[in-house]
Amino acid sequence: MVDTDRVTGAARELAGKAQGTIGDLIGSKSDSVEGRFREAQGSAENLYDQAKDSVGHAADQTQAYAEHAYENSGHYLREGRRAVAHRVEESPLVALLIAGAVGYGLALLIHSRR
């Protein structure tokens, strides 16, 4: 898909480069400066279009990752639940101490806000 900003930017850049070169050859400062300015405008349009494409691509990828996470969230939840249950079965005392520490920390947070 060709974007009009990219085409017009490339055309403006090429025309500006040609005008600047011709201005340099014939000794016309105004043509040279105007050509360099037009070339810079064309470069800026190209950079703008590239940035716009990059942002669009990143947004598409982010949406795809979010959809994937949403579709597989049940699977991830089940796997996480199994992993925690397995760890608790392996060492219930450590799990109890961790749960107690988390509860104590939450109690401190709740009571310190008063």
PDB file of N, CA and C in Angstrom:
ATOM      1  N   MET A   1       0.849  -1.172   0.000  1.00  0.00           N
ATOM      2  CA  MET A   1       0.000   0.000   0.000  1.00  0.00           C
ATOM      3  C   MET A   1       0.892   1.231   0.000  1.00  0.00           C
ATOM      4  N   VAL A   2       0.680   2.099  -0.965  1.00  0.00           N
ATOM      5  CA  VAL A   2       1.474   3.309  -1.091  1.00  0.00           C
ATOM      6  C   VAL A   2       0.718   4.447  -0.420  1.00  0.00           C
ATOM      7  N   ASP A   3       1.407   5.152   0.443  1.00  0.00           N
ATOM      8  CA  ASP A   3       0.805   6.260   1.155  1.00  0.00           C
ATOM      9  C   ASP A   3       1.112   7.559   0.406  1.00  0.00           C
ATOM     10  N   THR A   4       0.129   8.423   0.302  1.00  0.00           N
ATOM     11  CA  THR A   4       0.324   9.669  -0.446  1.00  0.00           C
ATOM     12  C   THR A   4       1.358  10.566   0.217  1.00  0.00           C
ATOM     13  N   ASP A   5       1.447  10.556   1.549  1.00  0.00           N
ATOM     14  CA  ASP A   5       2.459  11.364   2.226  1.00  0.00           C
ATOM     15  C   ASP A   5       3.858  10.934   1.818  1.00  0.00           C
ATOM     16  N   ARG A   6       4.049   9.643   1.681  1.00  0.00           N
ATOM     17  CA  ARG A   6       5.374   9.140   1.319  1.00  0.00           C
ATOM     18  C   ARG A   6       5.709   9.516  -0.131  1.00  0.00           C
ATOM     19  N   VAL A   7       4.723   9.416  -1.027  1.00  0.00           N
ATOM     20  CA  VAL A   7       4.960   9.743  -2.434  1.00  0.00           C
ATOM     21  C   VAL A   7       5.222  11.230  -2.606  1.00  0.00           C
ATOM     22  N   THR A   8       4.381  12.055  -1.986  1.00  0.00           N
ATOM     23  CA  THR A   8       4.585  13.504  -2.119  1.00  0.00           C
ATOM     24  C   THR A   8       5.874  13.934  -1.427  1.00  0.00           C
ATOM     25  N   GLY A   9       6.201  13.282  -0.326  1.00  0.00           N
ATOM     26  CA  GLY A   9       7.451  13.612   0.358  1.00  0.00           C
ATOM     27  C   GLY A   9       8.657  13.281  -0.490  1.00  0.00           C
ATOM     28  N   ALA A  10       8.630  12.103  -1.113  1.00  0.00           N
ATOM     29  CA  ALA A  10       9.752  11.713  -1.973  1.00  0.00           C
ATOM     30  C   ALA A  10       9.852  12.632  -3.180  1.00  0.00           C
ATOM     31  N   ALA A  11       8.715  12.999  -3.758  1.00  0.00           N
ATOM     32  CA  ALA A  11       8.722  13.901  -4.913  1.00  0.00           C
ATOM     33  C   ALA A  11       9.247  15.275  -4.508  1.00  0.00           C
ATOM     34  N   ARG A  12       8.784  15.783  -3.368  1.00  0.00           N
ATOM     35  CA  ARG A  12       9.235  17.096  -2.903  1.00  0.00           C
ATOM     36  C   ARG A  12      10.736  17.066  -2.579  1.00  0.00           C
ATOM     37  N   GLU A  13      11.183  15.958  -1.990  1.00  0.00           N
ATOM     38  CA  GLU A  13      12.604  15.840  -1.659  1.00  0.00           C
ATOM     39  C   GLU A  13      13.459  15.812  -2.924  1.00  0.00           C
ATOM     40  N   LEU A  14      13.018  15.036  -3.905  1.00  0.00           N
ATOM     41  CA  LEU A  14      13.766  14.947  -5.163  1.00  0.00           C
ATOM     42  C   LEU A  14      13.778  16.284  -5.892  1.00  0.00           C
ATOM     43  N   ALA A  15      12.615  16.943  -5.960  1.00  0.00           N
ATOM     44  CA  ALA A  15      12.538  18.242  -6.637  1.00  0.00           C
ATOM     45  C   ALA A  15      13.399  19.275  -5.913  1.00  0.00           C
ATOM     46  N   GLY A  16      13.377  19.243  -4.595  1.00  0.00           N
ATOM     47  CA  GLY A  16      14.184  20.182  -3.829  1.00  0.00           C
ATOM     48  C   GLY A  16      15.672  19.939  -4.031  1.00  0.00           C
ATOM     49  N   LYS A  17      16.045  18.664  -4.092  1.00  0.00           N
ATOM     50  CA  LYS A  17      17.454  18.333  -4.306  1.00  0.00           C
ATOM     51  C   LYS A  17      17.892  18.837  -5.685  1.00  0.00           C
ATOM     52  N   ALA A  18      17.034  18.633  -6.683  1.00  0.00           N
ATOM     53  CA  ALA A  18      17.362  19.096  -8.038  1.00  0.00           C
ATOM     54  C   ALA A  18      17.428  20.626  -8.084  1.00  0.00           C
ATOM     55  N   GLN A  19      16.472  21.295  -7.458  1.00  0.00           N
ATOM     56  CA  GLN A  19      16.458  22.756  -7.469  1.00  0.00           C
ATOM     57  C   GLN A  19      17.685  23.304  -6.742  1.00  0.00           C
ATOM     58  N   GLY A  20      18.035  22.686  -5.629  1.00  0.00           N
ATOM     59  CA  GLY A  20      19.220  23.131  -4.899  1.00  0.00           C
ATOM     60  C   GLY A  20      20.492  22.942  -5.703  1.00  0.00           C
ATOM     61  N   THR A  21      20.598  21.818  -6.383  1.00  0.00           N
ATOM     62  CA  THR A  21      21.788  21.552  -7.198  1.00  0.00           C
ATOM     63  C   THR A  21      21.884  22.527  -8.360  1.00  0.00           C
ATOM     64  N   ILE A  22      20.741  22.771  -9.007  1.00  0.00           N
ATOM     65  CA  ILE A  22      20.734  23.725 -10.133  1.00  0.00           C
ATOM     66  C   ILE A  22      21.062  25.127  -9.632  1.00  0.00           C
ATOM     67  N   GLY A  23      20.498  25.471  -8.475  1.00  0.00           N
ATOM     68  CA  GLY A  23      20.811  26.780  -7.895  1.00  0.00           C
ATOM     69  C   GLY A  23      22.292  26.917  -7.591  1.00  0.00           C
ATOM     70  N   ASP A  24      22.904  25.840  -7.102  1.00  0.00           N
ATOM     71  CA  ASP A  24      24.345  25.875  -6.838  1.00  0.00           C
ATOM     72  C   ASP A  24      25.138  26.030  -8.134  1.00  0.00           C
ATOM     73  N   LEU A  25      24.700  25.321  -9.183  1.00  0.00           N
ATOM     74  CA  LEU A  25      25.437  25.362 -10.457  1.00  0.00           C
ATOM     75  C   LEU A  25      25.364  26.724 -11.125  1.00  0.00           C
ATOM     76  N   ILE A  26      24.177  27.360 -11.067  1.00  0.00           N
ATOM     77  CA  ILE A  26      24.044  28.659 -11.754  1.00  0.00           C
ATOM     78  C   ILE A  26      24.365  29.823 -10.826  1.00  0.00           C
ATOM     79  N   GLY A  27      24.638  29.525  -9.575  1.00  0.00           N
ATOM     80  CA  GLY A  27      25.022  30.582  -8.637  1.00  0.00           C
ATOM     81  C   GLY A  27      23.850  31.358  -8.066  1.00  0.00           C
ATOM     82  N   SER A  28      22.654  30.778  -8.087  1.00  0.00           N
ATOM     83  CA  SER A  28      21.472  31.457  -7.547  1.00  0.00           C
ATOM     84  C   SER A  28      21.262  31.013  -6.103  1.00  0.00           C
ATOM     85  N   LYS A  29      21.555  31.939  -5.185  1.00  0.00           N
ATOM     86  CA  LYS A  29      21.401  31.614  -3.765  1.00  0.00           C
ATOM     87  C   LYS A  29      19.947  31.326  -3.411  1.00  0.00           C
ATOM     88  N   SER A  30      18.997  32.083  -3.973  1.00  0.00           N
ATOM     89  CA  SER A  30      17.585  31.895  -3.621  1.00  0.00           C
ATOM     90  C   SER A  30      17.088  30.528  -4.087  1.00  0.00           C
ATOM     91  N   ASP A  31      17.463  30.114  -5.300  1.00  0.00           N
ATOM     92  CA  ASP A  31      17.069  28.783  -5.769  1.00  0.00           C
ATOM     93  C   ASP A  31      17.730  27.687  -4.929  1.00  0.00           C
ATOM     94  N   SER A  32      18.965  27.890  -4.571  1.00  0.00           N
ATOM     95  CA  SER A  32      19.676  26.905  -3.769  1.00  0.00           C
ATOM     96  C   SER A  32      19.028  26.754  -2.392  1.00  0.00           C
ATOM     97  N   VAL A  33      18.737  27.877  -1.743  1.00  0.00           N
ATOM     98  CA  VAL A  33      18.131  27.837  -0.412  1.00  0.00           C
ATOM     99  C   VAL A  33      16.715  27.268  -0.493  1.00  0.00           C
ATOM    100  N   GLU A  34      15.940  27.700  -1.482  1.00  0.00           N
ATOM    101  CA  GLU A  34      14.578  27.195  -1.631  1.00  0.00           C
ATOM    102  C   GLU A  34      14.583  25.694  -1.925  1.00  0.00           C
ATOM    103  N   GLY A  35      15.539  25.257  -2.726  1.00  0.00           N
ATOM    104  CA  GLY A  35      15.652  23.827  -3.021  1.00  0.00           C
ATOM    105  C   GLY A  35      16.002  23.018  -1.791  1.00  0.00           C
ATOM    106  N   ARG A  36      16.925  23.521  -0.991  1.00  0.00           N
ATOM    107  CA  ARG A  36      17.293  22.816   0.249  1.00  0.00           C
ATOM    108  C   ARG A  36      16.105  22.777   1.211  1.00  0.00           C
ATOM    109  N   PHE A  37      15.348  23.875   1.252  1.00  0.00           N
ATOM    110  CA  PHE A  37      14.165  23.915   2.116  1.00  0.00           C
ATOM    111  C   PHE A  37      13.126  22.894   1.654  1.00  0.00           C
ATOM    112  N   ARG A  38      12.886  22.842   0.345  1.00  0.00           N
ATOM    113  CA  ARG A  38      11.926  21.879  -0.204  1.00  0.00           C
ATOM    114  C   ARG A  38      12.401  20.440   0.043  1.00  0.00           C
ATOM    115  N   GLU A  39      13.703  20.216  -0.073  1.00  0.00           N
ATOM    116  CA  GLU A  39      14.263  18.894   0.201  1.00  0.00           C
ATOM    117  C   GLU A  39      14.034  18.510   1.668  1.00  0.00           C
ATOM    118  N   ALA A  40      14.233  19.467   2.570  1.00  0.00           N
ATOM    119  CA  ALA A  40      14.008  19.202   3.995  1.00  0.00           C
ATOM    120  C   ALA A  40      12.530  18.919   4.276  1.00  0.00           C
ATOM    121  N   GLN A  41      11.639  19.623   3.594  1.00  0.00           N
ATOM    122  CA  GLN A  41      10.206  19.354   3.758  1.00  0.00           C
ATOM    123  C   GLN A  41       9.862  17.936   3.324  1.00  0.00           C
ATOM    124  N   GLY A  42      10.425  17.533   2.200  1.00  0.00           N
ATOM    125  CA  GLY A  42      10.179  16.177   1.706  1.00  0.00           C
ATOM    126  C   GLY A  42      10.707  15.129   2.665  1.00  0.00           C
ATOM    127  N   SER A  43      11.881  15.364   3.207  1.00  0.00           N
ATOM    128  CA  SER A  43      12.445  14.429   4.193  1.00  0.00           C
ATOM    129  C   SER A  43      11.560  14.363   5.432  1.00  0.00           C
ATOM    130  N   ALA A  44      11.061  15.520   5.855  1.00  0.00           N
ATOM    131  CA  ALA A  44      10.192  15.547   7.036  1.00  0.00           C
ATOM    132  C   ALA A  44       8.896  14.785   6.780  1.00  0.00           C
ATOM    133  N   GLU A  45       8.334  14.924   5.584  1.00  0.00           N
ATOM    134  CA  GLU A  45       7.117  14.171   5.256  1.00  0.00           C
ATOM    135  C   GLU A  45       7.381  12.671   5.269  1.00  0.00           C
ATOM    136  N   ASN A  46       8.520  12.264   4.731  1.00  0.00           N
ATOM    137  CA  ASN A  46       8.866  10.842   4.743  1.00  0.00           C
ATOM    138  C   ASN A  46       9.031  10.328   6.169  1.00  0.00           C
ATOM    139  N   LEU A  47       9.729  11.088   7.003  1.00  0.00           N
ATOM    140  CA  LEU A  47       9.926  10.681   8.394  1.00  0.00           C
ATOM    141  C   LEU A  47       8.598  10.610   9.139  1.00  0.00           C
ATOM    142  N   TYR A  48       7.724  11.578   8.873  1.00  0.00           N
ATOM    143  CA  TYR A  48       6.402  11.578   9.509  1.00  0.00           C
ATOM    144  C   TYR A  48       5.627  10.323   9.116  1.00  0.00           C
ATOM    145  N   ASP A  49       5.674   9.979   7.848  1.00  0.00           N
ATOM    146  CA  ASP A  49       4.940   8.802   7.389  1.00  0.00           C
ATOM    147  C   ASP A  49       5.530   7.518   7.966  1.00  0.00           C
ATOM    148  N   GLN A  50       6.842   7.449   8.071  1.00  0.00           N
ATOM    149  CA  GLN A  50       7.468   6.276   8.671  1.00  0.00           C
ATOM    150  C   GLN A  50       7.078   6.145  10.142  1.00  0.00           C
ATOM    151  N   ALA A  51       7.052   7.276  10.855  1.00  0.00           N
ATOM    152  CA  ALA A  51       6.646   7.240  12.264  1.00  0.00           C
ATOM    153  C   ALA A  51       5.190   6.818  12.386  1.00  0.00           C
ATOM    154  N   LYS A  52       4.346   7.330  11.507  1.00  0.00           N
ATOM    155  CA  LYS A  52       2.927   6.969  11.521  1.00  0.00           C
ATOM    156  C   LYS A  52       2.748   5.477  11.265  1.00  0.00           C
ATOM    157  N   ASP A  53       3.508   4.935  10.328  1.00  0.00           N
ATOM    158  CA  ASP A  53       3.448   3.498  10.045  1.00  0.00           C
ATOM    159  C   ASP A  53       3.917   2.678  11.245  1.00  0.00           C
ATOM    160  N   SER A  54       4.994   3.135  11.885  1.00  0.00           N
ATOM    161  CA  SER A  54       5.525   2.415  13.045  1.00  0.00           C
ATOM    162  C   SER A  54       4.525   2.395  14.191  1.00  0.00           C
ATOM    163  N   VAL A  55       3.887   3.522  14.448  1.00  0.00           N
ATOM    164  CA  VAL A  55       2.893   3.583  15.521  1.00  0.00           C
ATOM    165  C   VAL A  55       1.704   2.688  15.191  1.00  0.00           C
ATOM    166  N   GLY A  56       1.264   2.709  13.955  1.00  0.00           N
ATOM    167  CA  GLY A  56       0.158   1.841  13.548  1.00  0.00           C
ATOM    168  C   GLY A  56       0.510   0.370  13.694  1.00  0.00           C
ATOM    169  N   HIS A  57       1.734   0.011  13.315  1.00  0.00           N
ATOM    170  CA  HIS A  57       2.183  -1.375  13.446  1.00  0.00           C
ATOM    171  C   HIS A  57       2.251  -1.784  14.915  1.00  0.00           C
ATOM    172  N   ALA A  58       2.774  -0.895  15.760  1.00  0.00           N
ATOM    173  CA  ALA A  58       2.861  -1.199  17.194  1.00  0.00           C
ATOM    174  C   ALA A  58       1.469  -1.354  17.800  1.00  0.00           C
ATOM    175  N   ALA A  59       0.531  -0.521  17.374  1.00  0.00           N
ATOM    176  CA  ALA A  59      -0.841  -0.633  17.885  1.00  0.00           C
ATOM    177  C   ALA A  59      -1.476  -1.952  17.450  1.00  0.00           C
ATOM    178  N   ASP A  60      -1.227  -2.355  16.218  1.00  0.00           N
ATOM    179  CA  ASP A  60      -1.758  -3.637  15.740  1.00  0.00           C
ATOM    180  C   ASP A  60      -1.176  -4.804  16.526  1.00  0.00           C
ATOM    181  N   GLN A  61       0.134  -4.747  16.782  1.00  0.00           N
ATOM    182  CA  GLN A  61       0.765  -5.816  17.547  1.00  0.00           C
ATOM    183  C   GLN A  61       0.238  -5.858  18.980  1.00  0.00           C
ATOM    184  N   THR A  62       0.068  -4.700  19.576  1.00  0.00           N
ATOM    185  CA  THR A  62      -0.444  -4.643  20.945  1.00  0.00           C
ATOM    186  C   THR A  62      -1.843  -5.229  21.009  1.00  0.00           C
ATOM    187  N   GLN A  63      -2.662  -4.917  20.039  1.00  0.00           N
ATOM    188  CA  GLN A  63      -4.020  -5.458  19.999  1.00  0.00           C
ATOM    189  C   GLN A  63      -3.979  -6.977  19.843  1.00  0.00           C
ATOM    190  N   ALA A  64      -3.091  -7.471  19.003  1.00  0.00           N
ATOM    191  CA  ALA A  64      -2.985  -8.921  18.807  1.00  0.00           C
ATOM    192  C   ALA A  64      -2.529  -9.612  20.094  1.00  0.00           C
ATOM    193  N   TYR A  65      -1.561  -9.009  20.799  1.00  0.00           N
ATOM    194  CA  TYR A  65      -1.099  -9.596  22.060  1.00  0.00           C
ATOM    195  C   TYR A  65      -2.214  -9.584  23.100  1.00  0.00           C
ATOM    196  N   ALA A  66      -2.974  -8.496  23.169  1.00  0.00           N
ATOM    197  CA  ALA A  66      -4.066  -8.406  24.131  1.00  0.00           C
ATOM    198  C   ALA A  66      -5.151  -9.438  23.826  1.00  0.00           C
ATOM    199  N   GLU A  67      -5.475  -9.600  22.557  1.00  0.00           N
ATOM    200  CA  GLU A  67      -6.472 -10.603  22.180  1.00  0.00           C
ATOM    201  C   GLU A  67      -5.992 -12.005  22.527  1.00  0.00           C
ATOM    202  N   HIS A  68      -4.713 -12.264  22.277  1.00  0.00           N
ATOM    203  CA  HIS A  68      -4.151 -13.578  22.599  1.00  0.00           C
ATOM    204  C   HIS A  68      -4.214 -13.827  24.107  1.00  0.00           C
ATOM    205  N   ALA A  69      -3.844 -12.830  24.895  1.00  0.00           N
ATOM    206  CA  ALA A  69      -3.871 -12.985  26.355  1.00  0.00           C
ATOM    207  C   ALA A  69      -5.306 -13.186  26.847  1.00  0.00           C
ATOM    208  N   TYR A  70      -6.243 -12.458  26.251  1.00  0.00           N
ATOM    209  CA  TYR A  70      -7.645 -12.589  26.656  1.00  0.00           C
ATOM    210  C   TYR A  70      -8.181 -13.981  26.313  1.00  0.00           C
ATOM    211  N   GLU A  71      -7.859 -14.444  25.109  1.00  0.00           N
ATOM    212  CA  GLU A  71      -8.359 -15.752  24.676  1.00  0.00           C
ATOM    213  C   GLU A  71      -7.759 -16.890  25.504  1.00  0.00           C
ATOM    214  N   ASN A  72      -6.527 -16.732  25.950  1.00  0.00           N
ATOM    215  CA  ASN A  72      -5.847 -17.800  26.681  1.00  0.00           C
ATOM    216  C   ASN A  72      -5.814 -17.568  28.186  1.00  0.00           C
ATOM    217  N   SER A  73      -6.543 -16.572  28.677  1.00  0.00           N
ATOM    218  CA  SER A  73      -6.482 -16.250  30.104  1.00  0.00           C
ATOM    219  C   SER A  73      -6.966 -17.407  30.973  1.00  0.00           C
ATOM    220  N   GLY A  74      -7.981 -18.107  30.546  1.00  0.00           N
ATOM    221  CA  GLY A  74      -8.471 -19.254  31.313  1.00  0.00           C
ATOM    222  C   GLY A  74      -7.413 -20.338  31.435  1.00  0.00           C
ATOM    223  N   HIS A  75      -6.713 -20.586  30.354  1.00  0.00           N
ATOM    224  CA  HIS A  75      -5.646 -21.583  30.359  1.00  0.00           C
ATOM    225  C   HIS A  75      -4.526 -21.156  31.313  1.00  0.00           C
ATOM    226  N   TYR A  76      -4.126 -19.881  31.231  1.00  0.00           N
ATOM    227  CA  TYR A  76      -3.058 -19.388  32.103  1.00  0.00           C
ATOM    228  C   TYR A  76      -3.481 -19.457  33.570  1.00  0.00           C
ATOM    229  N   LEU A  77      -4.736 -19.156  33.845  1.00  0.00           N
ATOM    230  CA  LEU A  77      -5.237 -19.216  35.219  1.00  0.00           C
ATOM    231  C   LEU A  77      -5.190 -20.647  35.746  1.00  0.00           C
ATOM    232  N   ARG A  78      -5.644 -21.603  34.937  1.00  0.00           N
ATOM    233  CA  ARG A  78      -5.598 -23.004  35.360  1.00  0.00           C
ATOM    234  C   ARG A  78      -4.174 -23.479  35.603  1.00  0.00           C
ATOM    235  N   GLU A  79      -3.257 -23.108  34.708  1.00  0.00           N
ATOM    236  CA  GLU A  79      -1.857 -23.510  34.869  1.00  0.00           C
ATOM    237  C   GLU A  79      -1.251 -22.886  36.125  1.00  0.00           C
ATOM    238  N   GLY A  80      -1.560 -21.643  36.383  1.00  0.00           N
ATOM    239  CA  GLY A  80      -1.052 -20.985  37.580  1.00  0.00           C
ATOM    240  C   GLY A  80      -1.607 -21.609  38.847  1.00  0.00           C
ATOM    241  N   ARG A  81      -2.890 -21.931  38.814  1.00  0.00           N
ATOM    242  CA  ARG A  81      -3.528 -22.575  39.970  1.00  0.00           C
ATOM    243  C   ARG A  81      -2.882 -23.938  40.242  1.00  0.00           C
ATOM    244  N   ARG A  82      -2.611 -24.699  39.182  1.00  0.00           N
ATOM    245  CA  ARG A  82      -1.967 -26.004  39.349  1.00  0.00           C
ATOM    246  C   ARG A  82      -0.555 -25.860  39.923  1.00  0.00           C
ATOM    247  N   ALA A  83       0.181 -24.873  39.434  1.00  0.00           N
ATOM    248  CA  ALA A  83       1.555 -24.669  39.905  1.00  0.00           C
ATOM    249  C   ALA A  83       1.569 -24.288  41.383  1.00  0.00           C
ATOM    250  N   VAL A  84       0.662 -23.393  41.787  1.00  0.00           N
ATOM    251  CA  VAL A  84       0.601 -22.991  43.196  1.00  0.00           C
ATOM    252  C   VAL A  84       0.180 -24.171  44.059  1.00  0.00           C
ATOM    253  N   ALA A  85      -0.821 -24.912  43.618  1.00  0.00           N
ATOM    254  CA  ALA A  85      -1.276 -26.069  44.390  1.00  0.00           C
ATOM    255  C   ALA A  85      -0.150 -27.086  44.546  1.00  0.00           C
ATOM    256  N   HIS A  86       0.628 -27.289  43.498  1.00  0.00           N
ATOM    257  CA  HIS A  86       1.744 -28.242  43.567  1.00  0.00           C
ATOM    258  C   HIS A  86       2.793 -27.770  44.576  1.00  0.00           C
ATOM    259  N   ARG A  87       3.108 -26.460  44.577  1.00  0.00           N
ATOM    260  CA  ARG A  87       4.097 -25.921  45.521  1.00  0.00           C
ATOM    261  C   ARG A  87       3.597 -26.026  46.957  1.00  0.00           C
ATOM    262  N   VAL A  88       2.304 -25.773  47.152  1.00  0.00           N
ATOM    263  CA  VAL A  88       1.732 -25.861  48.496  1.00  0.00           C
ATOM    264  C   VAL A  88       1.767 -27.304  48.989  1.00  0.00           C
ATOM    265  N   GLU A  89       1.479 -28.250  48.105  1.00  0.00           N
ATOM    266  CA  GLU A  89       1.531 -29.661  48.484  1.00  0.00           C
ATOM    267  C   GLU A  89       2.959 -30.101  48.821  1.00  0.00           C
ATOM    268  N   GLU A  90       3.939 -29.556  48.114  1.00  0.00           N
ATOM    269  CA  GLU A  90       5.328 -29.923  48.374  1.00  0.00           C
ATOM    270  C   GLU A  90       5.809 -29.425  49.726  1.00  0.00           C
ATOM    271  N   SER A  91       5.452 -28.180  50.068  1.00  0.00           N
ATOM    272  CA  SER A  91       5.920 -27.613  51.342  1.00  0.00           C
ATOM    273  C   SER A  91       4.831 -26.729  51.938  1.00  0.00           C
ATOM    274  N   PRO A  92       3.898 -27.335  52.662  1.00  0.00           N
ATOM    275  CA  PRO A  92       2.782 -26.574  53.212  1.00  0.00           C
ATOM    276  C   PRO A  92       3.205 -25.564  54.285  1.00  0.00           C
ATOM    277  N   LEU A  93       4.257 -25.842  55.045  1.00  0.00           N
ATOM    278  CA  LEU A  93       4.685 -24.917  56.084  1.00  0.00           C
ATOM    279  C   LEU A  93       5.197 -23.614  55.477  1.00  0.00           C
ATOM    280  N   VAL A  94       5.978 -23.705  54.426  1.00  0.00           N
ATOM    281  CA  VAL A  94       6.480 -22.498  53.754  1.00  0.00           C
ATOM    282  C   VAL A  94       5.316 -21.705  53.176  1.00  0.00           C
ATOM    283  N   ALA A  95       4.353 -22.389  52.577  1.00  0.00           N
ATOM    284  CA  ALA A  95       3.188 -21.714  52.013  1.00  0.00           C
ATOM    285  C   ALA A  95       2.405 -20.998  53.110  1.00  0.00           C
ATOM    286  N   LEU A  96       2.271 -21.634  54.273  1.00  0.00           N
ATOM    287  CA  LEU A  96       1.562 -21.025  55.394  1.00  0.00           C
ATOM    288  C   LEU A  96       2.301 -19.792  55.901  1.00  0.00           C
ATOM    289  N   LEU A  97       3.622 -19.873  55.995  1.00  0.00           N
ATOM    290  CA  LEU A  97       4.412 -18.717  56.437  1.00  0.00           C
ATOM    291  C   LEU A  97       4.314 -17.561  55.436  1.00  0.00           C
ATOM    292  N   ILE A  98       4.337 -17.868  54.155  1.00  0.00           N
ATOM    293  CA  ILE A  98       4.215 -16.818  53.131  1.00  0.00           C
ATOM    294  C   ILE A  98       2.839 -16.175  53.202  1.00  0.00           C
ATOM    295  N   ALA A  99       1.802 -16.977  53.329  1.00  0.00           N
ATOM    296  CA  ALA A  99       0.443 -16.436  53.427  1.00  0.00           C
ATOM    297  C   ALA A  99       0.308 -15.565  54.672  1.00  0.00           C
ATOM    298  N   GLY A 100       0.896 -15.995  55.786  1.00  0.00           N
ATOM    299  CA  GLY A 100       0.844 -15.190  57.006  1.00  0.00           C
ATOM    300  C   GLY A 100       1.565 -13.867  56.842  1.00  0.00           C
ATOM    301  N   ALA A 101       2.727 -13.892  56.195  1.00  0.00           N
ATOM    302  CA  ALA A 101       3.488 -12.656  55.975  1.00  0.00           C
ATOM    303  C   ALA A 101       2.724 -11.696  55.072  1.00  0.00           C
ATOM    304  N   VAL A 102       2.099 -12.221  54.037  1.00  0.00           N
ATOM    305  CA  VAL A 102       1.305 -11.365  53.141  1.00  0.00           C
ATOM    306  C   VAL A 102       0.123 -10.776  53.908  1.00  0.00           C
ATOM    307  N   GLY A 103      -0.555 -11.583  54.705  1.00  0.00           N
ATOM    308  CA  GLY A 103      -1.672 -11.081  55.507  1.00  0.00           C
ATOM    309  C   GLY A 103      -1.232 -10.014  56.492  1.00  0.00           C
ATOM    310  N   TYR A 104      -0.105 -10.214  57.143  1.00  0.00           N
ATOM    311  CA  TYR A 104       0.412  -9.241  58.097  1.00  0.00           C
ATOM    312  C   TYR A 104       0.758  -7.930  57.379  1.00  0.00           C
ATOM    313  N   GLY A 105       1.392  -8.040  56.206  1.00  0.00           N
ATOM    314  CA  GLY A 105       1.716  -6.844  55.418  1.00  0.00           C
ATOM    315  C   GLY A 105       0.479  -6.079  54.990  1.00  0.00           C
ATOM    316  N   LEU A 106      -0.558  -6.791  54.575  1.00  0.00           N
ATOM    317  CA  LEU A 106      -1.817  -6.127  54.195  1.00  0.00           C
ATOM    318  C   LEU A 106      -2.456  -5.449  55.399  1.00  0.00           C
ATOM    319  N   ALA A 107      -2.406  -6.114  56.557  1.00  0.00           N
ATOM    320  CA  ALA A 107      -2.971  -5.503  57.769  1.00  0.00           C
ATOM    321  C   ALA A 107      -2.226  -4.227  58.127  1.00  0.00           C
ATOM    322  N   LEU A 108      -0.906  -4.236  58.011  1.00  0.00           N
ATOM    323  CA  LEU A 108      -0.139  -3.018  58.280  1.00  0.00           C
ATOM    324  C   LEU A 108      -0.513  -1.895  57.318  1.00  0.00           C
ATOM    325  N   LEU A 109      -0.680  -2.230  56.055  1.00  0.00           N
ATOM    326  CA  LEU A 109      -1.070  -1.215  55.071  1.00  0.00           C
ATOM    327  C   LEU A 109      -2.450  -0.641  55.372  1.00  0.00           C
ATOM    328  N   ILE A 110      -3.371  -1.496  55.733  1.00  0.00           N
ATOM    329  CA  ILE A 110      -4.739  -1.025  55.992  1.00  0.00           C
ATOM    330  C   ILE A 110      -4.782  -0.161  57.248  1.00  0.00           C
ATOM    331  N   HIS A 111      -4.114  -0.577  58.299  1.00  0.00           N
ATOM    332  CA  HIS A 111      -4.164   0.157  59.549  1.00  0.00           C
ATOM    333  C   HIS A 111      -3.286   1.400  59.545  1.00  0.00           C
ATOM    334  N   SER A 112      -2.287   1.466  58.692  1.00  0.00           N
ATOM    335  CA  SER A 112      -1.428   2.655  58.651  1.00  0.00           C
ATOM    336  C   SER A 112      -2.120   3.812  57.924  1.00  0.00           C
ATOM    337  N   ARG A 113      -3.152   3.557  57.155  1.00  0.00           N
ATOM    338  CA  ARG A 113      -3.868   4.614  56.436  1.00  0.00           C
ATOM    339  C   ARG A 113      -4.824   5.366  57.337  1.00  0.00           C
ATOM    340  N   ARG A 114      -5.142   4.838  58.465  1.00  0.00           N
ATOM    341  CA  ARG A 114      -6.096   5.493  59.360  1.00  0.00           C
ATOM    342  C   ARG A 114      -5.493   6.612  60.085  1.00  0.00           C
TER     343      ARG A 114
END
